[in-house]
Amino acid sequence: DAHAQLAAAATGDLAALRPLLVGASPIQLNRLVPYFLDDNVSTPGTALFAASLGGHTGCVSALISAGADVELGWDDFTPLMAACFAGHVDTVSALLAAGVDMHKRIVSSDERRLDKAAIH
């Protein structure tokens, strides 16, 4: 399920993630579930978002291959921005290779994703 996928992706546990992706539906892969950034802060996120923020490029690639939406984030914060924010160059490269539109504009601020990511 989406919770188990997120838990495995957030910790970079590719061995645990792979079997969870077999037969996973797009709804499961792209479902926003609570993601705890630390003991006091949680946010909705997808498994791809969590893997991107953690720099777990193997998990990112597996999720993309399984059909995870590379554009889906929360509150305009996408997996690409999460990977840039955390400084995970290999993960950024994997997301760009998967077709993330870095020139797409952010609805709430009318900034380009590339510009917003560059700030971080």
N, C-alpha and C. Protein backbone atom coordinates (compact mmCIF):
# COMPACT_ATOMS: atom_id res chain seq x y z
N ASP A 1 0.83 -1.19 0.00
CA ASP A 1 0.00 0.00 0.00
C ASP A 1 0.87 1.25 0.00
N ALA A 2 0.26 2.41 -0.15
CA ALA A 2 1.00 3.67 -0.27
C ALA A 2 1.82 3.98 0.97
N HIS A 3 1.31 3.63 2.15
CA HIS A 3 2.05 3.89 3.39
C HIS A 3 3.34 3.07 3.43
N ALA A 4 3.26 1.81 3.07
CA ALA A 4 4.44 0.94 3.08
C ALA A 4 5.43 1.38 2.00
N GLN A 5 4.93 1.79 0.84
CA GLN A 5 5.81 2.29 -0.22
C GLN A 5 6.56 3.52 0.26
N LEU A 6 5.85 4.45 0.90
CA LEU A 6 6.47 5.67 1.39
C LEU A 6 7.52 5.36 2.45
N ALA A 7 7.22 4.46 3.37
CA ALA A 7 8.17 4.11 4.43
C ALA A 7 9.46 3.53 3.84
N ALA A 8 9.34 2.64 2.87
CA ALA A 8 10.52 2.04 2.25
C ALA A 8 11.30 3.09 1.45
N ALA A 9 10.59 3.93 0.70
CA ALA A 9 11.25 4.95 -0.13
C ALA A 9 11.94 5.99 0.73
N ALA A 10 11.32 6.39 1.83
CA ALA A 10 11.88 7.43 2.70
C ALA A 10 13.19 6.98 3.35
N THR A 11 13.34 5.68 3.57
CA THR A 11 14.55 5.17 4.18
C THR A 11 15.54 4.62 3.16
N GLY A 12 15.15 4.65 1.90
CA GLY A 12 16.04 4.15 0.85
C GLY A 12 16.13 2.64 0.80
N ASP A 13 15.13 1.96 1.31
CA ASP A 13 15.14 0.50 1.36
C ASP A 13 14.58 -0.08 0.06
N LEU A 14 15.44 -0.13 -0.95
CA LEU A 14 15.02 -0.59 -2.28
C LEU A 14 14.57 -2.05 -2.26
N ALA A 15 15.21 -2.88 -1.45
CA ALA A 15 14.81 -4.29 -1.36
C ALA A 15 13.39 -4.44 -0.83
N ALA A 16 12.99 -3.59 0.10
CA ALA A 16 11.62 -3.63 0.62
C ALA A 16 10.65 -2.98 -0.35
N LEU A 17 11.10 -1.97 -1.09
CA LEU A 17 10.22 -1.24 -2.00
C LEU A 17 9.84 -2.05 -3.24
N ARG A 18 10.80 -2.74 -3.82
CA ARG A 18 10.55 -3.44 -5.09
C ARG A 18 9.32 -4.35 -5.06
N PRO A 19 9.16 -5.23 -4.07
CA PRO A 19 7.96 -6.08 -4.08
C PRO A 19 6.66 -5.29 -3.90
N LEU A 20 6.74 -4.14 -3.26
CA LEU A 20 5.55 -3.31 -3.06
C LEU A 20 5.09 -2.64 -4.35
N LEU A 21 5.99 -2.58 -5.32
CA LEU A 21 5.66 -1.93 -6.59
C LEU A 21 5.04 -2.89 -7.60
N VAL A 22 5.21 -4.19 -7.36
CA VAL A 22 4.65 -5.19 -8.28
C VAL A 22 3.12 -5.10 -8.24
N GLY A 23 2.54 -4.78 -9.36
CA GLY A 23 1.09 -4.68 -9.46
C GLY A 23 0.49 -3.45 -8.81
N ALA A 24 1.32 -2.51 -8.39
CA ALA A 24 0.80 -1.29 -7.75
C ALA A 24 0.04 -0.45 -8.77
N SER A 25 -1.09 0.05 -8.36
CA SER A 25 -1.91 0.88 -9.24
C SER A 25 -1.39 2.32 -9.21
N PRO A 26 -1.72 3.10 -10.25
CA PRO A 26 -1.35 4.52 -10.23
C PRO A 26 -1.88 5.25 -9.01
N ILE A 27 -3.04 4.84 -8.53
CA ILE A 27 -3.61 5.48 -7.33
C ILE A 27 -2.71 5.22 -6.13
N GLN A 28 -2.24 3.98 -5.97
CA GLN A 28 -1.33 3.66 -4.87
C GLN A 28 -0.01 4.41 -5.00
N LEU A 29 0.53 4.43 -6.21
CA LEU A 29 1.83 5.06 -6.44
C LEU A 29 1.81 6.57 -6.22
N ASN A 30 0.67 7.19 -6.45
CA ASN A 30 0.59 8.65 -6.43
C ASN A 30 -0.28 9.19 -5.30
N ARG A 31 -0.56 8.35 -4.34
CA ARG A 31 -1.38 8.78 -3.21
C ARG A 31 -0.56 9.60 -2.21
N LEU A 32 -1.11 10.72 -1.80
CA LEU A 32 -0.48 11.54 -0.77
C LEU A 32 -0.81 10.94 0.59
N VAL A 33 0.21 10.59 1.35
CA VAL A 33 0.04 10.05 2.69
C VAL A 33 0.92 10.86 3.64
N PRO A 34 0.63 10.83 4.94
CA PRO A 34 1.45 11.59 5.89
C PRO A 34 2.91 11.14 5.85
N TYR A 35 3.78 12.11 5.76
CA TYR A 35 5.21 11.87 5.71
C TYR A 35 5.85 12.71 6.81
N PHE A 36 6.56 12.07 7.72
CA PHE A 36 7.14 12.79 8.85
C PHE A 36 8.56 13.23 8.52
N LEU A 37 8.74 14.55 8.46
CA LEU A 37 10.06 15.11 8.19
C LEU A 37 10.96 14.99 9.41
N ASP A 38 10.37 15.09 10.58
CA ASP A 38 11.07 14.83 11.85
C ASP A 38 10.00 14.51 12.89
N ASP A 39 10.36 14.47 14.15
CA ASP A 39 9.42 14.07 15.19
C ASP A 39 8.23 15.02 15.34
N ASN A 40 8.40 16.26 14.93
CA ASN A 40 7.35 17.25 15.15
C ASN A 40 6.66 17.76 13.89
N VAL A 41 7.21 17.45 12.73
CA VAL A 41 6.69 18.02 11.49
C VAL A 41 6.30 16.90 10.52
N SER A 42 5.08 16.95 10.06
CA SER A 42 4.65 16.01 9.02
C SER A 42 4.02 16.79 7.89
N THR A 43 4.02 16.19 6.73
CA THR A 43 3.46 16.80 5.54
C THR A 43 2.90 15.68 4.67
N PRO A 44 1.94 15.96 3.82
CA PRO A 44 1.53 14.93 2.87
C PRO A 44 2.62 14.74 1.82
N GLY A 45 2.82 13.52 1.40
CA GLY A 45 3.82 13.26 0.38
C GLY A 45 3.58 11.92 -0.29
N THR A 46 4.22 11.75 -1.43
CA THR A 46 4.19 10.47 -2.13
C THR A 46 5.50 9.75 -1.85
N ALA A 47 5.54 8.49 -2.19
CA ALA A 47 6.78 7.73 -2.04
C ALA A 47 7.89 8.36 -2.87
N LEU A 48 7.56 8.84 -4.07
CA LEU A 48 8.56 9.47 -4.93
C LEU A 48 9.09 10.76 -4.29
N PHE A 49 8.21 11.54 -3.69
CA PHE A 49 8.64 12.76 -3.01
C PHE A 49 9.61 12.42 -1.87
N ALA A 50 9.26 11.43 -1.06
CA ALA A 50 10.10 11.04 0.07
C ALA A 50 11.45 10.52 -0.39
N ALA A 51 11.46 9.69 -1.42
CA ALA A 51 12.73 9.17 -1.95
C ALA A 51 13.58 10.30 -2.53
N SER A 52 12.94 11.26 -3.18
CA SER A 52 13.67 12.39 -3.77
C SER A 52 14.29 13.25 -2.69
N LEU A 53 13.54 13.55 -1.66
CA LEU A 53 14.04 14.37 -0.56
C LEU A 53 15.20 13.68 0.16
N GLY A 54 15.13 12.35 0.25
CA GLY A 54 16.19 11.59 0.90
C GLY A 54 17.38 11.28 0.01
N GLY A 55 17.27 11.58 -1.29
CA GLY A 55 18.36 11.29 -2.20
C GLY A 55 18.54 9.82 -2.50
N HIS A 56 17.46 9.08 -2.43
CA HIS A 56 17.50 7.63 -2.66
C HIS A 56 17.21 7.36 -4.14
N THR A 57 18.24 7.57 -4.96
CA THR A 57 18.07 7.53 -6.42
C THR A 57 17.60 6.18 -6.92
N GLY A 58 18.04 5.09 -6.32
CA GLY A 58 17.56 3.76 -6.72
C GLY A 58 16.07 3.64 -6.52
N CYS A 59 15.57 4.13 -5.40
CA CYS A 59 14.13 4.10 -5.12
C CYS A 59 13.39 5.02 -6.08
N VAL A 60 13.96 6.19 -6.35
CA VAL A 60 13.35 7.13 -7.31
C VAL A 60 13.20 6.45 -8.66
N SER A 61 14.25 5.81 -9.13
CA SER A 61 14.20 5.14 -10.45
C SER A 61 13.18 4.01 -10.46
N ALA A 62 13.12 3.24 -9.40
CA ALA A 62 12.15 2.14 -9.33
C ALA A 62 10.72 2.66 -9.32
N LEU A 63 10.47 3.73 -8.58
CA LEU A 63 9.12 4.32 -8.53
C LEU A 63 8.72 4.89 -9.89
N ILE A 64 9.65 5.55 -10.55
CA ILE A 64 9.37 6.10 -11.88
C ILE A 64 9.07 4.97 -12.85
N SER A 65 9.86 3.91 -12.81
CA SER A 65 9.62 2.76 -13.70
C SER A 65 8.27 2.11 -13.44
N ALA A 66 7.82 2.15 -12.20
CA ALA A 66 6.53 1.56 -11.83
C ALA A 66 5.35 2.46 -12.21
N GLY A 67 5.64 3.72 -12.56
CA GLY A 67 4.56 4.61 -12.99
C GLY A 67 4.25 5.78 -12.07
N ALA A 68 5.14 6.07 -11.12
CA ALA A 68 4.91 7.22 -10.24
C ALA A 68 4.93 8.52 -11.07
N ASP A 69 4.09 9.44 -10.70
CA ASP A 69 3.98 10.73 -11.38
C ASP A 69 5.12 11.64 -10.93
N VAL A 70 6.03 11.96 -11.85
CA VAL A 70 7.21 12.77 -11.51
C VAL A 70 6.86 14.23 -11.24
N GLU A 71 5.67 14.64 -11.59
CA GLU A 71 5.26 16.04 -11.40
C GLU A 71 4.48 16.25 -10.10
N LEU A 72 4.07 15.16 -9.45
CA LEU A 72 3.19 15.29 -8.30
C LEU A 72 3.96 15.59 -7.02
N GLY A 73 3.60 16.69 -6.40
CA GLY A 73 4.17 17.06 -5.11
C GLY A 73 3.06 17.50 -4.19
N TRP A 74 3.39 18.34 -3.26
CA TRP A 74 2.36 18.89 -2.36
C TRP A 74 2.60 20.39 -2.27
N ASP A 75 1.53 21.13 -2.33
CA ASP A 75 1.60 22.58 -2.16
C ASP A 75 2.69 23.19 -3.05
N ASP A 76 2.73 22.78 -4.30
CA ASP A 76 3.69 23.26 -5.31
C ASP A 76 5.13 22.83 -5.07
N PHE A 77 5.39 21.99 -4.10
CA PHE A 77 6.75 21.51 -3.83
C PHE A 77 6.86 20.11 -4.42
N THR A 78 7.60 19.98 -5.51
CA THR A 78 7.66 18.75 -6.29
C THR A 78 8.85 17.87 -5.88
N PRO A 79 8.88 16.62 -6.35
CA PRO A 79 10.05 15.78 -6.10
C PRO A 79 11.35 16.44 -6.60
N LEU A 80 11.29 17.12 -7.75
CA LEU A 80 12.48 17.80 -8.26
C LEU A 80 12.97 18.86 -7.28
N MET A 81 12.05 19.67 -6.79
CA MET A 81 12.44 20.71 -5.84
C MET A 81 12.97 20.10 -4.54
N ALA A 82 12.37 18.99 -4.10
CA ALA A 82 12.84 18.33 -2.89
C ALA A 82 14.28 17.85 -3.06
N ALA A 83 14.57 17.24 -4.20
CA ALA A 83 15.93 16.75 -4.45
C ALA A 83 16.92 17.91 -4.56
N CYS A 84 16.52 19.00 -5.22
CA CYS A 84 17.39 20.19 -5.30
C CYS A 84 17.61 20.78 -3.93
N PHE A 85 16.54 20.93 -3.18
CA PHE A 85 16.61 21.51 -1.83
C PHE A 85 17.62 20.75 -0.96
N ALA A 86 17.61 19.43 -1.08
CA ALA A 86 18.48 18.60 -0.25
C ALA A 86 19.86 18.37 -0.88
N GLY A 87 20.08 18.88 -2.10
CA GLY A 87 21.39 18.78 -2.73
C GLY A 87 21.73 17.43 -3.30
N HIS A 88 20.73 16.69 -3.75
CA HIS A 88 20.94 15.34 -4.29
C HIS A 88 21.03 15.37 -5.82
N VAL A 89 22.23 15.61 -6.32
CA VAL A 89 22.45 15.81 -7.75
C VAL A 89 22.06 14.58 -8.58
N ASP A 90 22.42 13.39 -8.13
CA ASP A 90 22.07 12.18 -8.88
C ASP A 90 20.56 11.99 -8.97
N THR A 91 19.87 12.31 -7.89
CA THR A 91 18.41 12.20 -7.89
C THR A 91 17.80 13.23 -8.82
N VAL A 92 18.32 14.45 -8.81
CA VAL A 92 17.85 15.48 -9.74
C VAL A 92 18.03 14.99 -11.17
N SER A 93 19.18 14.42 -11.47
CA SER A 93 19.44 13.90 -12.82
C SER A 93 18.45 12.82 -13.22
N ALA A 94 18.14 11.92 -12.30
CA ALA A 94 17.17 10.85 -12.58
C ALA A 94 15.78 11.43 -12.87
N LEU A 95 15.38 12.43 -12.10
CA LEU A 95 14.07 13.05 -12.32
C LEU A 95 14.02 13.79 -13.65
N LEU A 96 15.09 14.50 -13.98
CA LEU A 96 15.12 15.21 -15.27
C LEU A 96 15.12 14.23 -16.43
N ALA A 97 15.84 13.13 -16.29
CA ALA A 97 15.87 12.10 -17.34
C ALA A 97 14.49 11.47 -17.53
N ALA A 98 13.69 11.48 -16.47
CA ALA A 98 12.34 10.90 -16.54
C ALA A 98 11.33 11.87 -17.14
N GLY A 99 11.76 13.09 -17.44
CA GLY A 99 10.88 14.01 -18.14
C GLY A 99 10.24 15.09 -17.30
N VAL A 100 10.77 15.37 -16.12
CA VAL A 100 10.23 16.47 -15.32
C VAL A 100 10.37 17.76 -16.12
N ASP A 101 9.33 18.54 -16.13
CA ASP A 101 9.35 19.82 -16.84
C ASP A 101 9.88 20.89 -15.88
N MET A 102 11.17 21.19 -15.98
CA MET A 102 11.77 22.15 -15.05
C MET A 102 11.40 23.59 -15.39
N HIS A 103 10.77 23.80 -16.54
CA HIS A 103 10.37 25.15 -16.94
C HIS A 103 8.91 25.45 -16.59
N LYS A 104 8.21 24.43 -16.10
CA LYS A 104 6.81 24.62 -15.72
C LYS A 104 6.73 25.65 -14.60
N ARG A 105 5.69 26.46 -14.64
CA ARG A 105 5.54 27.52 -13.65
C ARG A 105 4.79 27.01 -12.42
N ILE A 106 5.16 27.54 -11.27
CA ILE A 106 4.51 27.21 -10.02
C ILE A 106 3.26 28.07 -9.91
N VAL A 107 2.13 27.46 -9.70
CA VAL A 107 0.85 28.17 -9.71
C VAL A 107 0.80 29.28 -8.67
N SER A 108 1.21 29.00 -7.45
CA SER A 108 1.03 29.96 -6.36
C SER A 108 1.93 31.19 -6.47
N SER A 109 3.06 31.07 -7.15
CA SER A 109 4.00 32.19 -7.18
C SER A 109 4.38 32.65 -8.58
N ASP A 110 3.94 31.92 -9.61
CA ASP A 110 4.27 32.20 -11.00
C ASP A 110 5.78 32.18 -11.26
N GLU A 111 6.54 31.45 -10.45
CA GLU A 111 7.96 31.26 -10.70
C GLU A 111 8.15 29.99 -11.50
N ARG A 112 9.26 29.92 -12.22
CA ARG A 112 9.59 28.66 -12.88
C ARG A 112 10.18 27.71 -11.85
N ARG A 113 9.89 26.43 -11.99
CA ARG A 113 10.45 25.43 -11.08
C ARG A 113 11.96 25.52 -11.04
N LEU A 114 12.58 25.72 -12.21
CA LEU A 114 14.04 25.79 -12.28
C LEU A 114 14.55 26.93 -11.41
N ASP A 115 13.90 28.07 -11.46
CA ASP A 115 14.33 29.22 -10.65
C ASP A 115 14.16 28.93 -9.17
N LYS A 116 13.03 28.36 -8.81
CA LYS A 116 12.75 28.05 -7.40
C LYS A 116 13.75 27.01 -6.88
N ALA A 117 14.02 25.99 -7.69
CA ALA A 117 14.97 24.96 -7.27
C ALA A 117 16.38 25.52 -7.14
N ALA A 118 16.75 26.46 -8.00
CA ALA A 118 18.08 27.05 -7.97
C ALA A 118 18.33 27.82 -6.68
N ILE A 119 17.28 28.35 -6.09
CA ILE A 119 17.40 29.08 -4.83
C ILE A 119 17.97 28.17 -3.76
N HIS A 120 17.59 26.89 -3.84
CA HIS A 120 18.01 25.94 -2.83
C HIS A 120 19.31 25.30 -3.22
